[in-house]
Amino acid sequence: MPQHINLGKEGEQIACEYLITQGFTIRETNWRMGKLEIDIVAHKPDEPVLHIVEVKSRASDEHFDPMQAITAGKIRNLVNAANSYINYYQLPMAVQYDVMIIVGKALDDYKIHFIPDAFEPPLRTIR
């Protein structure tokens, strides 16, 4: 398996473990509908908020800001995926979009940058 795939899977594992320590329940990992994917779907049992967590894993952030990978297209896909998830499961929950950045080369040597409520879905206007 290519190294970047392993790094991504390890990053998602680290992100799940971190979220659990913060009181989250992991509902799904790598949820797909068609071409849409959500890395992690989580919630806190005492809150009516569904957390859509995008995980970005990098071996180093020396020459690249991982937040640059959260493009307008990525946001659009996450919002569409979240809408599909909510409709599929008929969930009466608000949605929050979080970003988790994992930087490091090994499971025992990494940094976590958790950005709750990292962005709001774009609004469409009627012309």
N, C-alpha and C. Protein backbone atom coordinates (compact mmCIF):
# COMPACT_ATOMS: atom_id res chain seq x y z
N MET A 1 0.85 -1.18 0.00
CA MET A 1 0.00 0.00 0.00
C MET A 1 0.90 1.24 0.00
N PRO A 2 0.59 2.23 -0.84
CA PRO A 2 1.43 3.44 -0.88
C PRO A 2 1.49 4.14 0.48
N GLN A 3 2.63 4.79 0.72
CA GLN A 3 2.88 5.42 2.01
C GLN A 3 1.84 6.49 2.35
N HIS A 4 1.38 7.28 1.35
CA HIS A 4 0.41 8.33 1.64
C HIS A 4 -0.93 7.76 2.10
N ILE A 5 -1.28 6.56 1.62
CA ILE A 5 -2.52 5.92 2.06
C ILE A 5 -2.38 5.48 3.51
N ASN A 6 -1.22 4.87 3.84
CA ASN A 6 -0.98 4.48 5.23
C ASN A 6 -1.01 5.69 6.15
N LEU A 7 -0.38 6.78 5.73
CA LEU A 7 -0.35 8.00 6.54
C LEU A 7 -1.77 8.52 6.76
N GLY A 8 -2.59 8.49 5.73
CA GLY A 8 -3.97 8.94 5.85
C GLY A 8 -4.77 8.08 6.81
N LYS A 9 -4.63 6.76 6.70
CA LYS A 9 -5.35 5.85 7.60
C LYS A 9 -4.88 6.02 9.04
N GLU A 10 -3.58 6.16 9.24
CA GLU A 10 -3.06 6.39 10.59
C GLU A 10 -3.57 7.71 11.15
N GLY A 11 -3.61 8.74 10.30
CA GLY A 11 -4.12 10.04 10.74
C GLY A 11 -5.57 9.96 11.16
N GLU A 12 -6.38 9.23 10.41
CA GLU A 12 -7.79 9.07 10.78
C GLU A 12 -7.93 8.29 12.09
N GLN A 13 -7.07 7.30 12.29
CA GLN A 13 -7.08 6.54 13.55
C GLN A 13 -6.74 7.46 14.73
N ILE A 14 -5.71 8.27 14.56
CA ILE A 14 -5.31 9.22 15.61
C ILE A 14 -6.44 10.21 15.87
N ALA A 15 -7.07 10.70 14.80
CA ALA A 15 -8.17 11.67 14.95
C ALA A 15 -9.33 11.05 15.73
N CYS A 16 -9.69 9.82 15.42
CA CYS A 16 -10.78 9.15 16.15
C CYS A 16 -10.44 9.01 17.63
N GLU A 17 -9.23 8.57 17.91
CA GLU A 17 -8.81 8.41 19.31
C GLU A 17 -8.85 9.74 20.05
N TYR A 18 -8.41 10.80 19.39
CA TYR A 18 -8.45 12.13 20.01
C TYR A 18 -9.89 12.55 20.30
N LEU A 19 -10.76 12.39 19.33
CA LEU A 19 -12.16 12.79 19.50
C LEU A 19 -12.81 12.02 20.65
N ILE A 20 -12.52 10.74 20.76
CA ILE A 20 -13.07 9.94 21.85
C ILE A 20 -12.61 10.47 23.20
N THR A 21 -11.33 10.87 23.30
CA THR A 21 -10.84 11.43 24.57
C THR A 21 -11.50 12.76 24.90
N GLN A 22 -12.06 13.42 23.89
CA GLN A 22 -12.74 14.69 24.09
C GLN A 22 -14.24 14.52 24.32
N GLY A 23 -14.70 13.28 24.47
CA GLY A 23 -16.09 13.02 24.78
C GLY A 23 -16.99 12.77 23.59
N PHE A 24 -16.42 12.63 22.40
CA PHE A 24 -17.21 12.36 21.21
C PHE A 24 -17.50 10.87 21.07
N THR A 25 -18.60 10.58 20.42
CA THR A 25 -18.92 9.23 19.97
C THR A 25 -18.72 9.23 18.46
N ILE A 26 -17.99 8.25 17.97
CA ILE A 26 -17.75 8.14 16.53
C ILE A 26 -18.92 7.36 15.93
N ARG A 27 -19.66 8.01 15.05
CA ARG A 27 -20.80 7.36 14.38
C ARG A 27 -20.34 6.58 13.15
N GLU A 28 -19.43 7.18 12.39
CA GLU A 28 -18.98 6.57 11.13
C GLU A 28 -17.56 7.03 10.83
N THR A 29 -16.84 6.20 10.11
CA THR A 29 -15.57 6.62 9.51
C THR A 29 -15.64 6.26 8.03
N ASN A 30 -15.10 7.14 7.22
CA ASN A 30 -15.06 6.93 5.77
C ASN A 30 -16.44 6.60 5.19
N TRP A 31 -17.43 7.37 5.60
CA TRP A 31 -18.79 7.18 5.09
C TRP A 31 -18.86 7.67 3.65
N ARG A 32 -19.46 6.88 2.79
CA ARG A 32 -19.55 7.22 1.37
C ARG A 32 -20.98 7.14 0.87
N MET A 33 -21.26 8.06 -0.05
CA MET A 33 -22.47 7.98 -0.85
C MET A 33 -22.06 8.46 -2.24
N GLY A 34 -22.03 7.53 -3.16
CA GLY A 34 -21.54 7.87 -4.49
C GLY A 34 -20.08 8.30 -4.41
N LYS A 35 -19.79 9.46 -4.95
CA LYS A 35 -18.42 9.98 -4.92
C LYS A 35 -18.15 10.85 -3.70
N LEU A 36 -19.15 11.05 -2.86
CA LEU A 36 -19.00 11.88 -1.67
C LEU A 36 -18.48 11.04 -0.51
N GLU A 37 -17.60 11.64 0.30
CA GLU A 37 -17.05 10.92 1.44
C GLU A 37 -16.89 11.87 2.62
N ILE A 38 -17.14 11.32 3.80
CA ILE A 38 -16.88 12.03 5.05
C ILE A 38 -15.87 11.19 5.83
N ASP A 39 -14.77 11.81 6.24
CA ASP A 39 -13.74 11.07 6.98
C ASP A 39 -14.29 10.56 8.31
N ILE A 40 -14.86 11.46 9.12
CA ILE A 40 -15.39 11.07 10.42
C ILE A 40 -16.71 11.80 10.67
N VAL A 41 -17.70 11.03 11.11
CA VAL A 41 -18.97 11.60 11.58
C VAL A 41 -19.01 11.31 13.07
N ALA A 42 -19.15 12.36 13.88
CA ALA A 42 -19.13 12.18 15.33
C ALA A 42 -20.17 13.08 15.98
N HIS A 43 -20.43 12.80 17.24
CA HIS A 43 -21.30 13.68 18.02
C HIS A 43 -20.98 13.48 19.50
N LYS A 44 -21.39 14.46 20.30
CA LYS A 44 -21.31 14.31 21.74
C LYS A 44 -22.70 13.93 22.21
N PRO A 45 -22.81 12.91 23.05
CA PRO A 45 -24.12 12.41 23.43
C PRO A 45 -25.07 13.45 24.01
N ASP A 46 -24.56 14.48 24.65
CA ASP A 46 -25.42 15.47 25.28
C ASP A 46 -25.67 16.70 24.41
N GLU A 47 -25.25 16.66 23.13
CA GLU A 47 -25.43 17.80 22.24
C GLU A 47 -26.13 17.36 20.95
N PRO A 48 -27.08 18.16 20.46
CA PRO A 48 -27.76 17.82 19.21
C PRO A 48 -27.02 18.34 17.98
N VAL A 49 -25.71 18.12 17.95
CA VAL A 49 -24.87 18.62 16.85
C VAL A 49 -24.11 17.45 16.24
N LEU A 50 -24.20 17.34 14.94
CA LEU A 50 -23.45 16.34 14.20
C LEU A 50 -22.15 16.98 13.73
N HIS A 51 -21.02 16.37 14.06
CA HIS A 51 -19.71 16.89 13.67
C HIS A 51 -19.21 16.14 12.45
N ILE A 52 -18.99 16.88 11.39
CA ILE A 52 -18.39 16.35 10.16
C ILE A 52 -16.92 16.74 10.23
N VAL A 53 -16.05 15.75 10.35
CA VAL A 53 -14.63 16.01 10.60
C VAL A 53 -13.83 15.61 9.37
N GLU A 54 -13.15 16.57 8.80
CA GLU A 54 -12.23 16.34 7.69
C GLU A 54 -10.83 16.19 8.29
N VAL A 55 -10.18 15.09 7.96
CA VAL A 55 -8.84 14.81 8.50
C VAL A 55 -7.81 15.00 7.40
N LYS A 56 -6.80 15.79 7.69
CA LYS A 56 -5.68 15.98 6.78
C LYS A 56 -4.42 15.53 7.49
N SER A 57 -3.73 14.55 6.90
CA SER A 57 -2.50 14.01 7.49
C SER A 57 -1.32 14.37 6.60
N ARG A 58 -0.28 14.84 7.22
CA ARG A 58 0.94 15.20 6.50
C ARG A 58 2.15 14.72 7.30
N ALA A 59 3.17 14.28 6.59
CA ALA A 59 4.40 13.87 7.26
C ALA A 59 5.08 15.08 7.87
N SER A 60 4.94 16.24 7.21
CA SER A 60 5.58 17.46 7.68
C SER A 60 4.76 18.65 7.20
N ASP A 61 4.78 19.71 7.97
CA ASP A 61 4.13 20.95 7.52
C ASP A 61 5.17 22.01 7.18
N GLU A 62 6.40 21.55 6.96
CA GLU A 62 7.52 22.46 6.70
C GLU A 62 7.31 23.30 5.45
N HIS A 63 6.84 22.71 4.38
CA HIS A 63 6.69 23.43 3.12
C HIS A 63 5.24 23.52 2.65
N PHE A 64 4.31 23.19 3.54
CA PHE A 64 2.91 23.13 3.11
C PHE A 64 2.01 23.35 4.32
N ASP A 65 1.07 24.25 4.18
CA ASP A 65 0.06 24.46 5.21
C ASP A 65 -1.09 23.50 4.90
N PRO A 66 -1.34 22.51 5.76
CA PRO A 66 -2.40 21.53 5.45
C PRO A 66 -3.77 22.15 5.25
N MET A 67 -4.02 23.32 5.82
CA MET A 67 -5.32 23.96 5.61
C MET A 67 -5.52 24.37 4.15
N GLN A 68 -4.44 24.47 3.38
CA GLN A 68 -4.57 24.78 1.96
C GLN A 68 -5.31 23.67 1.21
N ALA A 69 -5.37 22.48 1.81
CA ALA A 69 -6.06 21.37 1.18
C ALA A 69 -7.57 21.46 1.35
N ILE A 70 -8.04 22.39 2.17
CA ILE A 70 -9.48 22.59 2.36
C ILE A 70 -9.92 23.67 1.38
N THR A 71 -10.14 23.24 0.17
CA THR A 71 -10.49 24.16 -0.92
C THR A 71 -12.01 24.39 -0.97
N ALA A 72 -12.42 25.32 -1.80
CA ALA A 72 -13.85 25.58 -1.99
C ALA A 72 -14.55 24.32 -2.51
N GLY A 73 -13.91 23.58 -3.38
CA GLY A 73 -14.48 22.34 -3.89
C GLY A 73 -14.62 21.29 -2.80
N LYS A 74 -13.62 21.20 -1.93
CA LYS A 74 -13.67 20.25 -0.81
C LYS A 74 -14.80 20.62 0.14
N ILE A 75 -14.95 21.90 0.41
CA ILE A 75 -16.04 22.36 1.29
C ILE A 75 -17.38 22.01 0.66
N ARG A 76 -17.53 22.27 -0.62
CA ARG A 76 -18.78 21.95 -1.32
C ARG A 76 -19.09 20.46 -1.22
N ASN A 77 -18.08 19.61 -1.43
CA ASN A 77 -18.29 18.17 -1.35
C ASN A 77 -18.65 17.73 0.08
N LEU A 78 -18.01 18.33 1.08
CA LEU A 78 -18.33 17.98 2.47
C LEU A 78 -19.75 18.38 2.83
N VAL A 79 -20.16 19.55 2.40
CA VAL A 79 -21.53 20.01 2.67
C VAL A 79 -22.53 19.09 1.99
N ASN A 80 -22.27 18.72 0.75
CA ASN A 80 -23.16 17.81 0.03
C ASN A 80 -23.20 16.43 0.71
N ALA A 81 -22.03 15.97 1.14
CA ALA A 81 -21.97 14.67 1.82
C ALA A 81 -22.73 14.73 3.15
N ALA A 82 -22.56 15.81 3.89
CA ALA A 82 -23.27 15.96 5.17
C ALA A 82 -24.78 15.99 4.94
N ASN A 83 -25.23 16.71 3.92
CA ASN A 83 -26.65 16.75 3.60
C ASN A 83 -27.16 15.36 3.24
N SER A 84 -26.37 14.61 2.48
CA SER A 84 -26.76 13.25 2.11
C SER A 84 -26.84 12.36 3.35
N TYR A 85 -25.89 12.50 4.25
CA TYR A 85 -25.87 11.71 5.48
C TYR A 85 -27.10 12.00 6.33
N ILE A 86 -27.39 13.27 6.51
CA ILE A 86 -28.53 13.68 7.34
C ILE A 86 -29.84 13.19 6.72
N ASN A 87 -29.97 13.33 5.41
CA ASN A 87 -31.18 12.86 4.74
C ASN A 87 -31.31 11.34 4.78
N TYR A 88 -30.19 10.64 4.59
CA TYR A 88 -30.20 9.18 4.59
C TYR A 88 -30.67 8.63 5.93
N TYR A 89 -30.14 9.21 7.02
CA TYR A 89 -30.48 8.73 8.36
C TYR A 89 -31.62 9.53 9.01
N GLN A 90 -32.14 10.52 8.30
CA GLN A 90 -33.23 11.37 8.79
C GLN A 90 -32.92 11.90 10.19
N LEU A 91 -31.80 12.59 10.30
CA LEU A 91 -31.33 13.11 11.59
C LEU A 91 -31.77 14.56 11.79
N PRO A 92 -32.41 14.84 12.89
CA PRO A 92 -32.80 16.23 13.19
C PRO A 92 -31.70 16.93 13.98
N MET A 93 -30.52 17.07 13.38
CA MET A 93 -29.38 17.64 14.09
C MET A 93 -28.78 18.80 13.30
N ALA A 94 -28.24 19.75 14.04
CA ALA A 94 -27.43 20.79 13.42
C ALA A 94 -26.10 20.16 13.00
N VAL A 95 -25.41 20.81 12.08
CA VAL A 95 -24.13 20.29 11.59
C VAL A 95 -23.02 21.28 11.87
N GLN A 96 -21.89 20.76 12.29
CA GLN A 96 -20.69 21.57 12.47
C GLN A 96 -19.57 20.90 11.68
N TYR A 97 -18.81 21.73 10.97
CA TYR A 97 -17.70 21.22 10.16
C TYR A 97 -16.38 21.51 10.87
N ASP A 98 -15.69 20.44 11.23
CA ASP A 98 -14.42 20.55 11.94
C ASP A 98 -13.30 20.02 11.05
N VAL A 99 -12.09 20.50 11.31
CA VAL A 99 -10.92 20.01 10.59
C VAL A 99 -9.90 19.53 11.62
N MET A 100 -9.34 18.36 11.36
CA MET A 100 -8.30 17.80 12.21
C MET A 100 -7.06 17.62 11.34
N ILE A 101 -5.98 18.27 11.74
CA ILE A 101 -4.72 18.17 11.00
C ILE A 101 -3.74 17.36 11.85
N ILE A 102 -3.24 16.29 11.28
CA ILE A 102 -2.28 15.43 11.95
C ILE A 102 -0.96 15.58 11.20
N VAL A 103 0.08 16.00 11.91
CA VAL A 103 1.39 16.19 11.29
C VAL A 103 2.39 15.30 12.01
N GLY A 104 3.01 14.41 11.27
CA GLY A 104 4.03 13.52 11.83
C GLY A 104 4.19 12.29 10.98
N LYS A 105 5.26 11.56 11.22
CA LYS A 105 5.58 10.40 10.39
C LYS A 105 5.28 9.07 11.06
N ALA A 106 4.99 9.09 12.35
CA ALA A 106 4.79 7.82 13.05
C ALA A 106 3.64 7.96 14.04
N LEU A 107 3.06 6.83 14.40
CA LEU A 107 1.94 6.83 15.33
C LEU A 107 2.33 7.36 16.71
N ASP A 108 3.62 7.36 17.03
CA ASP A 108 4.03 7.83 18.35
C ASP A 108 4.75 9.18 18.30
N ASP A 109 4.77 9.82 17.13
CA ASP A 109 5.46 11.11 16.99
C ASP A 109 4.66 11.99 16.03
N TYR A 110 3.67 12.70 16.58
CA TYR A 110 2.81 13.52 15.74
C TYR A 110 2.26 14.69 16.55
N LYS A 111 1.74 15.67 15.83
CA LYS A 111 1.05 16.81 16.45
C LYS A 111 -0.38 16.83 15.91
N ILE A 112 -1.30 17.20 16.79
CA ILE A 112 -2.70 17.30 16.42
C ILE A 112 -3.10 18.77 16.46
N HIS A 113 -3.72 19.21 15.39
CA HIS A 113 -4.31 20.55 15.34
C HIS A 113 -5.79 20.35 15.06
N PHE A 114 -6.62 20.56 16.09
CA PHE A 114 -8.06 20.40 15.93
C PHE A 114 -8.68 21.78 15.78
N ILE A 115 -9.41 21.97 14.69
CA ILE A 115 -10.04 23.26 14.41
C ILE A 115 -11.55 23.04 14.40
N PRO A 116 -12.21 23.23 15.56
CA PRO A 116 -13.65 23.07 15.59
C PRO A 116 -14.33 24.21 14.84
N ASP A 117 -15.44 23.90 14.21
CA ASP A 117 -16.22 24.90 13.48
C ASP A 117 -15.33 25.66 12.50
N ALA A 118 -14.56 24.90 11.72
CA ALA A 118 -13.54 25.46 10.84
C ALA A 118 -14.11 26.31 9.72
N PHE A 119 -15.31 25.98 9.28
CA PHE A 119 -15.94 26.78 8.23
C PHE A 119 -17.44 26.60 8.29
N GLU A 120 -18.14 27.53 7.66
CA GLU A 120 -19.59 27.45 7.54
C GLU A 120 -19.90 27.14 6.08
N PRO A 121 -20.97 26.41 5.85
CA PRO A 121 -21.29 26.13 4.44
C PRO A 121 -21.62 27.42 3.70
N PRO A 122 -21.21 27.49 2.46
CA PRO A 122 -21.52 28.70 1.68
C PRO A 122 -23.03 28.80 1.43
N LEU A 123 -23.49 30.02 1.35
CA LEU A 123 -24.90 30.27 1.07
C LEU A 123 -25.06 30.53 -0.41
N ARG A 124 -26.13 30.03 -0.97
CA ARG A 124 -26.44 30.32 -2.37
C ARG A 124 -27.46 31.46 -2.39
N THR A 125 -27.33 32.33 -3.32
CA THR A 125 -28.28 33.42 -3.45
C THR A 125 -29.11 33.22 -4.71
N ILE A 126 -30.32 33.64 -4.64
CA ILE A 126 -31.21 33.54 -5.79
C ILE A 126 -31.06 34.82 -6.59
N ARG A 127 -30.85 34.69 -7.88
CA ARG A 127 -30.66 35.87 -8.73
C ARG A 127 -31.97 36.35 -9.27
